[in-house]
Structure formats: structure tokens, C-alpha cells
């Protein structure tokens, strides 16, 4: 029978207890903990979760070193950066290492270069392209409940997402228009953002499709700010509480991992893919087994070759469009990837139906954008204006590997019109023109 401890013994057994309120506040990040940037404790990820109109205030911060669109110490409103999708066993987003130097090695970009030299088709190459992203610190003032959430962090795709929508809206303003300073702490403007919803893979998704108005924050709509340029801090008072507006450059910097760790994570993708291929080969019937089958069992299963199927081709499977990612050596097993980068393995060729691709392969190849020496050096040149996210989720951007693009013009120019240093090691020029990346799963071949 257990002895009941005395009062003196109980005093010795004091434990350090976490506050349930504080624990929940720290863990409530909006349902997703990002890995391509560091979400500060106590802050939430913002995402559109309904169709209608949002009223958003985009907040200023003092730019840090390495911000592509502003010199250090200038008041900035966004951080542009690049990342790779589905890295490691947990299939996480990770910032591309070339964010911190144009010639810094990145294991994913290096794999891109190797495969490009081997002449791999674009539908495979695009999986390794860096994706253009945007960070904003915002206040959702759509209603009283939203305002109480305080400062939130919005991370989204640029191409065909909120980032490009905002850039295009700014470009349409008259030269010198006050609304260019919509993020000003003194005379800023609230953005009226229209959103629409759709069904994708059985779930509701919402995206921004218009910025309808810039509404002045003067008078009762103005926030109280506390700016300290010497410390590089911006604070804003919301519903009686002071919030620090994080330096968005630091959030990206804090998510950086060293090359060795990055490569270790990336190699996990290769190991997982090799295991899938070996499993498919183990479960596929051998030629000997097929030859030994009695005639009554019927004819053998058609192979991918029999059905003129090949990697990179679009097919229909269970009523959804997929891309053939891999074919087993014996041609009896397909690995498919849908537009949301979900994988279906071990699919029989006869269970899919070929889907025509616009213009056919040759026409598609001829329509690929030209690559010039003025383009960003390295593995990927910018995508065309017609490129768009394929997952139906460009503005949800919750780390599910949406197909956002790599685009040079997507990055705001810095002082003197400088572009950011997003360069990658350039393989020897083989005279072939590059295709433009459109994103995808990060794995190795």
C-alpha cells in the first residue's frame, strides 16, 4: 500500500507547471506551423477562410539586412523570398539557401542542375524549382472579432496569388499617388480585398481575386503606433494592447538551415522514393509468373508502353487529373501526382485514361519562354505571365506544396532598381533554352 506523503515531503515535490492559458496561446498558430519562416510566439497565421470582403491593414516594419525591396533601416511592408516544397520525411517547405547569397549552394537547386544536364523533361524538372513567396504583417479589421486577433502573419504565393494581385493594383495607381504609401503609420490605407471560394479535393478553399479599394485610415480609423528607428522596432496598439510588428526579414532568417542539414533532409526524399520503387517492383508480377499463368486467366495486364503512357503525361484517375511521375521498370505500376501534389502509388496503367495536354507536347515545348543571359543565372528562369498555381489554393498557402512559381519580376526592386540575389550555380551552356519552373514536389531522381 502506497504511503501518503507528509506535508513536508509534498513541499519538496514541487513541479514546474506550465500555464494552460499560455501554452494554448503559444500553440495556437492558426492550424499550421510554418517551416519556411519562423512564426513568433503568440502570433497567428492569417488565411482567407470565407468568400466575401476582407478589410486588411498591412503594417510597416524596419527592413533588415538582405530585404530584396528595401535598404536596411527603411520602412518596408513585405518580404519576398524563395522556398522549396516537400523537403524531408515530413514534406516541409524550406527557404532556398540562395536567399542569402546568389552563389550559395543549395542541395535542391544542385539536383535541378544535374537533372537539367541529363535532359530530363520539364514535368520532372519543375519539381525542384524555387517558389516565389511573400510575407506580410497584417491587421484584419473586417469585424470586432478579427481585430482582437491582433497582428497576424500572412504568408502567400506571389504568382496568381495575393502578392501579384497587390503588385498589379499598385502598378495601376497614378504616379505619386498617396495610396502607394498604404502601409504608412501616419496616413495609411485599408485594403478592401474581395475573395471567392471553391471546392478542391473535397475541401473548401478561398483566394483573393480583387483589391477593390484603398480606404483612408485617417481619423477614428487610425492606429496608434510607437516607432523606434534606433532599435528598429514598430509597435501598434490594438484594442488596448501593444503589439510588436515583427521584422519579416528576421522571420525568414530564423528559418534558415545549414547546407549539411538541408542535404540530409533532401536525401530523405530520395530514400523514400527508392523504397516506393522497390516496393512496386516487389509487388508487380514477374514475367515468369505471367508466363506460368493458365490461359484461362485471360490476357496479361497491359503495360504503360502498351498504352503509350510516359512520365510527365496527364491522365485521369478516379475522376481527377494527375501527372505520371514515375513508371516501374516493367511498366505495370504508375506513380501519379495530382495538382495538389498528393501521390498515388502502385496504379495499374489500365486504370488511367490519357488526358490531352493543351497544344500537345511539341506545341507546349515550342511555347516555352525564351531564356536569355539577362535572366536570373542558375537552374530556373522566370515563369510566364500565364503560369498559375495548380492546386486551387494559391492564397491559402498553408504549406501543402502549392504550385507557386519562381519569377524574377515578382521580387520588388531595391534602391536603384536592384533585383535580389537569387542566383544558382549555372551548368555549362548546352545551347538549349530553359523552360520556366512551375513548382512541385521536392524529391530526387
Protein backbone atom coordinates (compact mmCIF):
# COMPACT_ATOMS: atom_id res chain seq x y z
CA UNK A 1 0.00 0.00 0.00
CA UNK A 2 1.43 3.38 -1.08
CA UNK A 3 2.35 5.75 1.71
CA UNK A 4 0.71 9.18 1.73
CA UNK A 5 3.50 11.79 1.64
CA UNK A 6 3.70 14.22 4.53
CA UNK A 7 3.21 17.97 4.01
CA UNK A 8 6.98 18.47 4.22
CA UNK A 9 7.56 15.81 1.56
CA UNK A 10 4.90 17.36 -0.69
CA UNK A 11 6.69 20.70 -0.45
CA UNK A 12 9.83 19.03 -1.81
CA UNK A 13 7.89 17.60 -4.75
CA UNK A 14 7.06 20.94 -6.33
CA UNK A 15 6.86 20.67 -10.10
CA UNK A 16 7.26 23.39 -12.69
CA UNK A 17 3.79 23.62 -14.16
CA UNK A 18 3.02 25.30 -17.46
CA UNK A 19 0.16 27.76 -17.60
CA UNK A 20 -2.59 26.19 -19.69
CA UNK A 21 -3.61 29.62 -20.99
CA UNK A 22 -0.05 30.49 -22.07
CA UNK A 23 0.51 27.05 -23.59
CA UNK A 24 -2.62 27.30 -25.72
CA UNK A 25 -1.75 30.83 -26.80
CA UNK A 26 1.72 29.73 -27.91
CA UNK A 27 0.42 26.65 -29.70
CA UNK A 28 -2.48 28.38 -31.47
CA UNK A 29 -0.82 29.31 -34.76
CA UNK A 30 -3.87 29.17 -36.97
CA UNK A 31 -3.72 25.43 -37.56
CA UNK A 32 -0.33 25.32 -39.29
CA UNK A 33 3.22 25.75 -38.05
CA UNK A 34 5.38 27.02 -40.92
CA UNK A 35 8.92 25.84 -41.61
CA UNK A 36 9.84 28.28 -44.39
CA UNK A 37 9.75 31.14 -41.89
CA UNK A 38 9.68 31.39 -38.09
CA UNK A 39 6.28 32.34 -36.68
CA UNK A 40 6.83 34.35 -33.46
CA UNK A 41 5.28 33.04 -30.25
CA UNK A 42 1.82 34.45 -29.64
CA UNK A 43 1.16 35.30 -33.30
CA UNK A 44 -1.15 33.53 -35.73
CA UNK A 45 -1.01 32.74 -39.41
CA UNK A 46 -3.65 34.66 -41.33
CA UNK A 47 -5.58 32.97 -44.08
CA UNK A 48 -8.74 33.68 -46.02
CA UNK A 49 -11.45 31.37 -44.71
CA UNK A 50 -14.63 32.69 -46.33
CA UNK A 51 -15.90 34.26 -49.53
CA UNK A 52 -16.72 37.94 -49.36
CA UNK A 53 -14.84 41.12 -48.46
CA UNK A 54 -11.90 41.49 -46.08
CA UNK A 55 -10.61 44.79 -44.71
CA UNK A 56 -6.84 44.42 -44.23
CA UNK A 57 -4.27 46.85 -42.86
CA UNK A 58 -0.76 45.93 -44.00
CA UNK A 59 1.71 47.10 -41.36
CA UNK A 60 5.18 48.61 -41.76
CA UNK A 61 8.43 47.32 -40.27
CA UNK A 62 12.04 48.45 -40.43
CA UNK A 63 13.75 46.38 -43.11
CA UNK A 64 16.67 44.23 -42.08
CA UNK A 65 19.79 43.25 -43.98
CA UNK A 66 19.01 41.31 -47.14
CA UNK A 67 15.49 42.56 -47.79
CA UNK A 68 15.16 42.41 -51.61
CA UNK A 69 12.96 45.51 -51.87
CA UNK A 70 14.46 47.97 -49.39
CA UNK A 71 17.75 49.01 -47.84
CA UNK A 72 18.27 48.13 -44.17
CA UNK A 73 16.51 50.58 -41.89
CA UNK A 74 13.94 51.71 -44.47
CA UNK A 75 10.24 51.29 -43.70
CA UNK A 76 9.03 48.30 -45.70
CA UNK A 77 5.77 46.33 -45.88
CA UNK A 78 6.71 42.91 -47.29
CA UNK A 79 9.45 40.31 -47.52
CA UNK A 80 9.92 38.46 -50.78
CA UNK A 81 11.74 35.14 -50.63
CA UNK A 82 12.02 31.76 -52.30
CA UNK A 83 11.48 28.30 -50.89
CA UNK A 84 11.35 24.62 -51.89
CA UNK A 85 8.41 22.34 -51.21
CA UNK A 86 8.06 18.89 -49.64
CA UNK A 87 11.58 18.62 -48.23
CA UNK A 88 12.38 15.73 -45.91
CA UNK A 89 10.30 12.95 -44.39
CA UNK A 90 7.74 15.47 -43.11
CA UNK A 91 7.40 17.06 -46.59
CA UNK A 92 8.04 20.57 -45.31
CA UNK A 93 8.62 23.89 -47.04
CA UNK A 94 12.17 25.19 -46.54
CA UNK A 95 13.68 28.52 -47.66
CA UNK A 96 16.08 28.21 -50.58
CA UNK A 97 19.64 28.87 -49.40
CA UNK A 98 20.26 31.29 -52.26
CA UNK A 99 18.06 33.80 -50.40
CA UNK A 100 21.27 34.63 -48.52
CA UNK A 101 23.69 34.83 -51.43
CA UNK A 102 23.47 34.46 -55.18
CA UNK A 103 26.11 31.75 -55.39
CA UNK A 104 25.47 29.90 -52.13
CA UNK A 105 25.00 26.18 -52.80
CA UNK A 106 21.51 24.72 -52.30
CA UNK A 107 21.06 20.91 -52.50
CA UNK A 108 17.69 21.15 -54.25
CA UNK A 109 18.97 23.62 -56.83
CA UNK A 110 22.04 21.44 -57.40
CA UNK A 111 19.80 18.48 -58.13
CA UNK A 112 17.88 20.64 -60.58
CA UNK A 113 21.13 21.44 -62.41
CA UNK A 114 22.20 17.78 -62.60
CA UNK A 115 18.84 16.68 -63.98
CA UNK A 116 18.72 19.54 -66.45
CA UNK A 117 22.08 18.48 -67.85
CA UNK A 118 20.72 14.96 -68.27
CA UNK A 119 17.86 16.32 -70.37
CA UNK A 120 15.03 15.37 -68.01
CA UNK A 121 11.57 16.55 -69.17
CA UNK A 122 10.18 19.74 -67.73
CA UNK A 123 7.37 17.99 -65.85
CA UNK A 124 10.07 16.39 -63.71
CA UNK A 125 12.44 19.36 -63.60
CA UNK A 126 9.77 21.73 -62.33
CA UNK A 127 9.57 19.83 -59.05
CA UNK A 128 12.90 21.33 -57.99
CA UNK A 129 12.25 24.96 -58.91
CA UNK A 130 12.25 27.56 -56.12
CA UNK A 131 8.84 29.07 -55.36
CA UNK A 132 8.21 32.81 -55.02
CA UNK A 133 6.60 33.72 -51.67
CA UNK A 134 5.53 36.84 -49.79
CA UNK A 135 5.26 37.72 -46.10
CA UNK A 136 3.07 40.48 -44.64
CA UNK A 137 2.20 41.57 -41.10
CA UNK A 138 -1.49 42.49 -41.12
CA UNK A 139 -4.48 43.50 -39.01
CA UNK A 140 -7.77 42.01 -40.13
CA UNK A 141 -10.26 44.76 -39.30
CA UNK A 142 -13.21 43.09 -41.07
CA UNK A 143 -15.09 42.91 -37.75
CA UNK A 144 -14.55 43.26 -34.00
CA UNK A 145 -13.65 39.60 -33.54
CA UNK A 146 -11.00 39.74 -36.24
CA UNK A 147 -9.44 42.86 -34.75
CA UNK A 148 -9.00 41.09 -31.41
CA UNK A 149 -6.62 38.62 -33.13
CA UNK A 150 -4.10 41.49 -33.22
CA UNK A 151 -1.12 41.40 -35.54
CA UNK A 152 -1.15 38.30 -37.76
CA UNK A 153 1.39 36.99 -40.28
CA UNK A 154 0.21 36.40 -43.82
CA UNK A 155 2.36 34.14 -46.00
CA UNK A 156 1.28 33.53 -49.56
CA UNK A 157 2.31 32.74 -53.09
CA UNK A 158 3.23 35.59 -55.40
CA UNK A 159 2.17 34.25 -58.78
CA UNK A 160 -1.59 34.26 -59.27
CA UNK A 161 -1.84 34.94 -55.54
CA UNK A 162 -2.34 37.93 -53.27
CA UNK A 163 1.25 39.09 -53.84
CA UNK A 164 0.82 39.53 -57.59
CA UNK A 165 -2.68 40.97 -57.10
CA UNK A 166 -1.29 43.70 -54.83
CA UNK A 167 1.64 44.46 -57.14
CA UNK A 168 -0.67 44.86 -60.14
CA UNK A 169 -3.02 47.10 -58.17
CA UNK A 170 -0.12 49.34 -57.10
CA UNK A 171 1.15 49.49 -60.69
CA UNK A 172 -2.22 50.86 -61.82
CA UNK A 173 -2.10 53.80 -59.40
CA UNK A 174 -1.17 57.21 -60.85
CA UNK A 175 2.46 58.21 -60.37
CA UNK A 176 2.97 59.76 -56.92
CA UNK A 177 -0.45 58.72 -55.63
CA UNK A 178 -0.68 58.77 -51.80
CA UNK A 179 -2.09 55.26 -51.88
CA UNK A 180 1.37 53.94 -52.75
CA UNK A 181 2.10 54.51 -49.06
CA UNK A 182 -0.87 52.38 -47.95
CA UNK A 183 1.29 50.91 -45.16
CA UNK A 184 2.24 54.29 -43.66
CA UNK A 185 1.72 54.55 -39.88
CA UNK A 186 0.55 58.16 -40.31
CA UNK A 187 -1.61 58.30 -43.43
CA UNK A 188 -2.10 54.67 -44.37
CA UNK A 189 -4.94 53.00 -46.19
CA UNK A 190 -7.05 49.91 -45.52
CA UNK A 191 -7.25 47.42 -48.39
CA UNK A 192 -10.69 46.14 -49.34
CA UNK A 193 -9.98 42.63 -50.61
CA UNK A 194 -12.57 40.52 -52.42
CA UNK A 195 -12.34 36.74 -52.01
CA UNK A 196 -14.09 33.80 -53.62
CA UNK A 197 -14.43 30.17 -52.62
CA UNK A 198 -14.23 26.88 -54.43
CA UNK A 199 -14.13 23.16 -53.78
CA UNK A 200 -10.81 21.40 -54.22
CA UNK A 201 -10.24 17.76 -53.35
CA UNK A 202 -13.35 17.79 -51.21
CA UNK A 203 -12.37 20.82 -49.14
CA UNK A 204 -13.28 24.48 -49.24
CA UNK A 205 -10.55 26.83 -50.46
CA UNK A 206 -10.62 30.62 -50.63
CA UNK A 207 -8.48 33.06 -52.53
CA UNK A 208 -8.18 36.79 -53.06
CA UNK A 209 -9.37 37.74 -56.52
CA UNK A 210 -9.59 41.54 -56.29
CA UNK A 211 -8.38 44.58 -54.36
CA UNK A 212 -11.40 46.81 -54.73
CA UNK A 213 -10.45 49.92 -52.81
CA UNK A 214 -7.87 51.78 -50.69
CA UNK A 215 -9.75 53.36 -47.76
CA UNK A 216 -8.09 56.13 -45.75
CA UNK A 217 -7.28 55.32 -42.11
CA UNK A 218 -7.42 58.96 -41.03
CA UNK A 219 -9.48 59.97 -38.00
CA UNK A 220 -11.13 57.20 -36.00
CA UNK A 221 -9.67 54.52 -38.27
CA UNK A 222 -6.04 55.37 -37.50
CA UNK A 223 -3.98 53.04 -35.28
CA UNK A 224 -1.63 54.35 -32.59
CA UNK A 225 1.98 53.50 -33.48
CA UNK A 226 5.20 53.64 -31.47
CA UNK A 227 8.26 53.77 -33.74
CA UNK A 228 11.86 53.45 -32.53
CA UNK A 229 14.18 53.69 -35.51
CA UNK A 230 17.31 53.33 -33.36
CA UNK A 231 16.11 49.92 -32.15
CA UNK A 232 14.38 49.10 -35.40
CA UNK A 233 11.07 48.38 -33.69
CA UNK A 234 7.49 49.18 -34.64
CA UNK A 235 4.63 48.78 -32.16
CA UNK A 236 0.93 49.22 -32.78
CA UNK A 237 -1.85 49.50 -30.21
CA UNK A 238 -4.83 47.26 -30.94
CA UNK A 239 -7.85 47.09 -28.67
CA UNK A 240 -5.81 48.46 -25.76
CA UNK A 241 -2.85 46.09 -26.24
CA UNK A 242 0.54 46.96 -27.71
CA UNK A 243 1.77 44.55 -30.40
CA UNK A 244 5.28 44.44 -31.83
CA UNK A 245 5.27 44.26 -35.63
CA UNK A 246 7.92 41.60 -36.33
CA UNK A 247 10.77 42.30 -38.72
CA UNK A 248 9.75 39.96 -41.54
CA UNK A 249 13.36 39.61 -42.69
CA UNK A 250 14.24 38.09 -39.34
CA UNK A 251 11.39 35.57 -39.62
CA UNK A 252 12.91 34.22 -42.84
CA UNK A 253 16.46 34.35 -41.43
CA UNK A 254 15.38 32.36 -38.37
CA UNK A 255 14.12 29.54 -40.62
CA UNK A 256 17.47 29.14 -42.38
CA UNK A 257 19.20 25.79 -42.01
CA UNK A 258 22.78 24.99 -42.94
CA UNK A 259 23.70 23.12 -46.11
CA UNK A 260 24.58 19.89 -44.32
CA UNK A 261 21.21 19.71 -42.55
CA UNK A 262 19.38 20.71 -45.73
CA UNK A 263 21.08 17.96 -47.73
CA UNK A 264 20.32 15.40 -45.04
CA UNK A 265 16.63 16.31 -45.23
CA UNK A 266 16.67 16.31 -49.01
CA UNK A 267 18.32 12.88 -49.13
CA UNK A 268 15.33 11.53 -47.18
CA UNK A 269 13.21 12.25 -50.25
CA UNK A 270 15.49 10.12 -52.41
CA UNK A 271 15.44 7.24 -49.92
CA UNK A 272 11.64 7.34 -49.69
CA UNK A 273 11.25 7.36 -53.45
CA UNK A 274 13.68 4.47 -53.94
CA UNK A 275 11.74 2.50 -51.33
CA UNK A 276 8.48 3.16 -53.20
CA UNK A 277 10.01 1.98 -56.47
CA UNK A 278 11.40 -1.17 -54.85
CA UNK A 279 8.03 -1.91 -53.26
CA UNK A 280 6.31 -1.50 -56.63
CA UNK A 281 8.79 -3.89 -58.22
CA UNK A 282 8.34 -6.43 -55.41
CA UNK A 283 4.56 -6.42 -55.72
CA UNK A 284 4.48 -6.41 -59.53
CA UNK A 285 4.18 -9.91 -61.08
CA UNK A 286 7.34 -11.21 -62.72
CA UNK A 287 7.50 -12.33 -66.35
CA UNK A 288 7.91 -15.89 -65.16
CA UNK A 289 4.71 -15.67 -63.14
CA UNK A 290 2.87 -14.21 -66.11
CA UNK A 291 4.15 -16.98 -68.40
CA UNK A 292 3.08 -19.62 -65.91
CA UNK A 293 -0.48 -18.29 -65.65
CA UNK A 294 -3.01 -20.65 -67.28
CA UNK A 295 -4.67 -19.49 -70.46
CA UNK A 296 -7.98 -19.40 -68.62
CA UNK A 297 -6.76 -16.45 -66.57
CA UNK A 298 -7.10 -14.26 -69.67
CA UNK A 299 -4.60 -11.99 -71.36
CA UNK A 300 -1.84 -10.24 -69.41
CA UNK A 301 -2.33 -6.78 -67.94
CA UNK A 302 -1.37 -4.01 -70.40
CA UNK A 303 1.79 -2.09 -69.60
CA UNK A 304 2.41 1.63 -69.79
CA UNK A 305 4.20 1.07 -73.09
CA UNK A 306 1.21 -0.80 -74.49
CA UNK A 307 -1.00 2.18 -73.67
CA UNK A 308 1.53 4.80 -74.85
CA UNK A 309 1.91 6.24 -71.36
CA UNK A 310 5.08 8.02 -70.26
CA UNK A 311 6.35 10.23 -67.41
CA UNK A 312 5.02 13.78 -67.42
CA UNK A 313 1.82 12.84 -69.25
CA UNK A 314 -1.58 13.96 -67.94
CA UNK A 315 -4.03 11.20 -67.10
CA UNK A 316 -7.44 10.87 -65.47
CA UNK A 317 -7.66 8.61 -62.42
CA UNK A 318 -10.77 8.24 -60.26
CA UNK A 319 -12.28 11.30 -61.89
CA UNK A 320 -9.31 13.58 -61.12
CA UNK A 321 -6.43 14.84 -63.25
CA UNK A 322 -2.96 13.53 -62.41
CA UNK A 323 0.53 13.68 -63.87
CA UNK A 324 2.52 10.47 -64.32
CA UNK A 325 5.54 10.93 -62.10
CA UNK A 326 7.20 7.52 -62.42
CA UNK A 327 6.68 4.20 -64.19
CA UNK A 328 8.06 0.94 -62.80
CA UNK A 329 10.72 -0.82 -64.86
CA UNK A 330 8.30 -3.49 -66.02
CA UNK A 331 5.69 -0.88 -66.93
CA UNK A 332 2.93 -2.37 -64.77
CA UNK A 333 2.85 0.24 -62.00
CA UNK A 334 2.44 4.01 -62.13
CA UNK A 335 3.22 6.67 -59.58
CA UNK A 336 0.84 9.62 -60.01
CA UNK A 337 0.80 13.15 -58.61
CA UNK A 338 -2.27 15.37 -58.58
CA UNK A 339 -2.36 19.17 -58.82
CA UNK A 340 -2.26 19.39 -55.01
CA UNK A 341 0.92 17.25 -55.00
CA UNK A 342 -0.80 14.23 -53.45
CA UNK A 343 0.78 10.95 -54.52
CA UNK A 344 -0.92 7.76 -55.72
CA UNK A 345 1.45 4.78 -55.98
CA UNK A 346 1.02 1.32 -57.50
CA UNK A 347 -1.65 2.37 -60.01
CA UNK A 348 -2.24 -0.05 -62.88
CA UNK A 349 -1.84 1.55 -66.33
CA UNK A 350 -5.24 0.26 -67.44
CA UNK A 351 -6.87 2.18 -64.57
CA UNK A 352 -5.96 5.57 -66.04
CA UNK A 353 -7.09 7.43 -69.11
CA UNK A 354 -4.83 9.76 -71.08
CA UNK A 355 -5.86 13.45 -70.97
CA UNK A 356 -4.87 15.73 -73.87
CA UNK A 357 -2.44 18.48 -72.94
CA UNK A 358 -3.04 21.92 -74.47
CA UNK A 359 -1.34 22.11 -77.85
CA UNK A 360 0.31 18.73 -77.41
CA UNK A 361 3.86 18.13 -76.27
CA UNK A 362 5.65 19.64 -79.23
CA UNK A 363 3.49 22.75 -79.21
CA UNK A 364 3.97 23.11 -75.48
CA UNK A 365 7.72 22.81 -75.86
CA UNK A 366 7.82 25.43 -78.59
CA UNK A 367 5.77 27.82 -76.44
CA UNK A 368 8.21 27.63 -73.54
CA UNK A 369 9.54 31.11 -72.67
CA UNK A 370 12.92 32.09 -74.02
CA UNK A 371 15.88 32.24 -71.69
CA UNK A 372 18.43 34.99 -72.12
CA UNK A 373 21.66 35.79 -70.36
CA UNK A 374 19.93 38.66 -68.59
CA UNK A 375 17.65 36.18 -66.82
CA UNK A 376 18.49 35.08 -63.31
CA UNK A 377 21.51 32.81 -63.55
CA UNK A 378 21.16 29.23 -62.48
CA UNK A 379 18.66 26.48 -62.70
CA UNK A 380 15.42 28.27 -63.35
CA UNK A 381 14.27 31.26 -65.30
CA UNK A 382 11.09 33.21 -64.53
CA UNK A 383 7.69 31.74 -65.39
CA UNK A 384 5.39 33.35 -67.90
CA UNK A 385 2.52 35.62 -67.02
CA UNK A 386 0.14 32.77 -67.78
CA UNK A 387 1.63 30.45 -65.17
CA UNK A 388 -0.56 29.93 -62.16
CA UNK A 389 -0.92 27.81 -59.05
CA UNK A 390 -2.41 24.48 -59.94
CA UNK A 391 -3.72 23.46 -56.54
CA UNK A 392 -6.64 25.85 -56.43
CA UNK A 393 -5.12 27.16 -53.24
CA UNK A 394 -2.66 29.88 -54.13
CA UNK A 395 -3.81 32.16 -51.34
CA UNK A 396 -4.43 29.55 -48.69
CA UNK A 397 -0.70 28.83 -48.72
CA UNK A 398 -0.71 26.57 -45.72
CA UNK A 399 2.41 24.60 -46.53
CA UNK A 400 0.72 21.98 -48.64
CA UNK A 401 3.13 22.46 -51.53
CA UNK A 402 1.05 24.69 -53.73
CA UNK A 403 2.41 25.19 -57.19
CA UNK A 404 3.58 28.79 -56.89
CA UNK A 405 6.20 29.97 -59.30
CA UNK A 406 9.74 31.26 -59.48
CA UNK A 407 9.64 34.71 -61.01
CA UNK A 408 12.33 37.36 -61.27
CA UNK A 409 9.88 40.22 -61.78
CA UNK A 410 7.87 39.09 -58.76
CA UNK A 411 10.54 40.45 -56.43
CA UNK A 412 10.34 44.15 -55.57
CA UNK A 413 13.32 46.14 -56.80
CA UNK A 414 15.53 47.69 -54.17
CA UNK A 415 17.24 51.05 -54.21
CA UNK A 416 18.40 51.87 -57.71
CA UNK A 417 16.18 49.14 -59.15
CA UNK A 418 18.39 46.31 -57.89
CA UNK A 419 16.98 42.81 -58.04
CA UNK A 420 17.63 40.44 -55.14
CA UNK A 421 20.49 38.00 -55.30
CA UNK A 422 18.61 34.82 -56.15
CA UNK A 423 21.16 33.07 -58.34
CA UNK A 424 22.09 29.44 -58.61
CA UNK A 425 25.16 27.64 -59.97
CA UNK A 426 24.94 27.62 -63.75
CA UNK A 427 25.75 24.33 -65.58
CA UNK A 428 27.66 24.52 -68.82
CA UNK A 429 25.60 26.09 -71.57
CA UNK A 430 24.41 23.29 -73.82
CA UNK A 431 22.74 25.65 -76.24
CA UNK A 432 19.27 24.55 -75.16
CA UNK A 433 16.78 27.08 -73.93
CA UNK A 434 15.46 26.72 -70.39
CA UNK A 435 11.84 26.18 -69.53
CA UNK A 436 10.28 28.20 -66.76
CA UNK A 437 9.52 26.50 -63.47
CA UNK A 438 6.05 25.97 -62.11
CA UNK A 439 6.72 24.26 -58.80
CA UNK A 440 6.07 20.77 -57.47
CA UNK A 441 7.22 18.07 -55.12
CA UNK A 442 10.81 18.20 -54.00
CA UNK A 443 12.39 14.79 -54.43
CA UNK A 444 15.44 13.37 -56.16
CA UNK A 445 15.87 11.30 -59.26
